């Protein structure tokens, strides 16, 4: 799994590429990136399979914000991305959301 960010300060956008490998998705038919940035709507950011059968999705988010997210596969199973910036506990015992920071690193 991976989350790759590209900051575009002139446009105020952080372009984020989410990748969910086929093995992690357990050969799912459908996957989505679901989070605060889309009001947890599983139909808004559907992922598409690439040639290697990994699910991918690219989203433009506002620079300077922090979002919680998870992957939803086949509308039934939640998957976390342990390469996220941090983890946030949910109200559900033992469950965590992933945290994505769109705050650019400090330039020296």
Protein backbone atom coordinates (compact mmCIF):
# COMPACT_ATOMS: atom_id res chain seq x y z
CA UNK A 1 0.00 0.00 0.00
CA UNK A 2 1.15 3.48 -0.54
CA UNK A 3 0.17 7.11 -0.36
CA UNK A 4 2.22 9.43 -2.56
CA UNK A 5 1.76 13.19 -2.23
CA UNK A 6 2.79 15.95 -4.60
CA UNK A 7 2.39 19.52 -3.36
CA UNK A 8 1.44 22.20 -5.88
CA UNK A 9 1.67 25.38 -3.76
CA UNK A 10 0.87 27.74 -6.65
CA UNK A 11 -2.56 26.14 -6.99
CA UNK A 12 -3.04 25.32 -3.29
CA UNK A 13 -3.44 21.62 -4.09
CA UNK A 14 -1.91 18.42 -2.79
CA UNK A 15 -2.24 15.67 -5.41
CA UNK A 16 -2.47 12.33 -3.61
CA UNK A 17 -2.09 8.94 -5.29
CA UNK A 18 -3.49 6.03 -3.29
CA UNK A 19 -2.45 2.47 -4.18
CA UNK A 20 -4.02 -0.67 -2.76
CA UNK A 21 -2.22 -3.83 -3.94
CA UNK A 22 -4.30 -6.76 -5.16
CA UNK A 23 -3.03 -8.99 -2.37
CA UNK A 24 -4.03 -6.47 0.33
CA UNK A 25 -7.45 -6.10 -1.29
CA UNK A 26 -7.80 -9.89 -1.21
CA UNK A 27 -8.74 -10.03 -4.90
CA UNK A 28 -11.67 -7.65 -4.42
CA UNK A 29 -13.86 -6.61 -7.34
CA UNK A 30 -14.34 -3.02 -6.11
CA UNK A 31 -12.40 -0.59 -3.92
CA UNK A 32 -12.81 3.03 -2.88
CA UNK A 33 -10.89 5.65 -0.93
CA UNK A 34 -13.29 6.90 1.71
CA UNK A 35 -12.65 9.69 4.16
CA UNK A 36 -13.35 13.13 5.52
CA UNK A 37 -12.48 14.68 2.15
CA UNK A 38 -15.54 13.03 0.55
CA UNK A 39 -17.87 12.86 3.58
CA UNK A 40 -17.14 9.11 3.83
CA UNK A 41 -19.03 8.53 0.57
CA UNK A 42 -17.95 5.14 -0.91
CA UNK A 43 -19.18 6.10 -4.39
CA UNK A 44 -17.18 9.30 -4.79
CA UNK A 45 -13.54 8.12 -5.11
CA UNK A 46 -13.69 4.69 -6.68
CA UNK A 47 -10.33 3.09 -7.39
CA UNK A 48 -9.42 1.55 -10.73
CA UNK A 49 -7.25 -1.51 -11.33
CA UNK A 50 -4.00 -0.96 -13.20
CA UNK A 51 -2.21 -3.54 -15.39
CA UNK A 52 -0.77 -5.27 -12.33
CA UNK A 53 -4.27 -5.51 -10.77
CA UNK A 54 -3.49 -2.96 -8.04
CA UNK A 55 -6.26 -0.51 -7.21
CA UNK A 56 -5.30 3.16 -7.72
CA UNK A 57 -6.96 6.52 -7.27
CA UNK A 58 -5.66 10.08 -7.48
CA UNK A 59 -7.36 12.88 -5.56
CA UNK A 60 -6.65 16.62 -5.36
CA UNK A 61 -6.95 17.94 -1.81
CA UNK A 62 -6.47 21.35 -0.23
CA UNK A 63 -2.98 22.09 1.05
CA UNK A 64 -2.78 22.75 4.78
CA UNK A 65 -5.45 20.28 5.90
CA UNK A 66 -5.35 16.90 7.62
CA UNK A 67 -7.85 14.15 6.74
CA UNK A 68 -8.83 10.74 8.09
CA UNK A 69 -9.45 7.96 5.56
CA UNK A 70 -9.66 4.22 4.92
CA UNK A 71 -10.17 1.89 1.98
CA UNK A 72 -13.50 0.13 1.50
CA UNK A 73 -13.42 -3.05 -0.60
CA UNK A 74 -16.46 -4.76 -2.08
CA UNK A 75 -18.66 -2.43 0.02
CA UNK A 76 -18.09 -4.63 3.07
CA UNK A 77 -14.47 -4.67 4.32
CA UNK A 78 -12.40 -1.78 5.65
CA UNK A 79 -8.65 -1.81 5.00
CA UNK A 80 -6.08 0.45 6.59
CA UNK A 81 -2.97 1.82 4.90
CA UNK A 82 -0.17 1.50 7.43
CA UNK A 83 1.98 3.81 5.25
CA UNK A 84 -0.32 6.70 6.22
CA UNK A 85 1.08 9.67 8.15
CA UNK A 86 -0.56 8.63 11.43
CA UNK A 87 -3.44 6.63 12.92
CA UNK A 88 -6.53 7.95 14.71
CA UNK A 89 -8.75 5.84 16.97
CA UNK A 90 -12.41 5.60 16.01
CA UNK A 91 -15.40 5.22 18.35
CA UNK A 92 -15.35 1.50 17.46
CA UNK A 93 -13.22 -0.57 19.83
CA UNK A 94 -9.87 -1.48 18.30
CA UNK A 95 -10.57 0.29 15.00
CA UNK A 96 -8.37 3.03 13.55
CA UNK A 97 -8.65 5.47 10.68
CA UNK A 98 -5.57 6.47 8.76
CA UNK A 99 -4.43 10.10 8.83
CA UNK A 100 -3.29 11.96 5.72
CA UNK A 101 -1.51 15.27 6.25
CA UNK A 102 -1.60 17.68 3.33
CA UNK A 103 0.61 20.11 5.24
CA UNK A 104 3.79 20.61 3.20
CA UNK A 105 7.11 19.88 4.87
CA UNK A 106 9.01 22.90 6.19
CA UNK A 107 11.56 24.19 3.70
CA UNK A 108 14.97 25.20 5.08
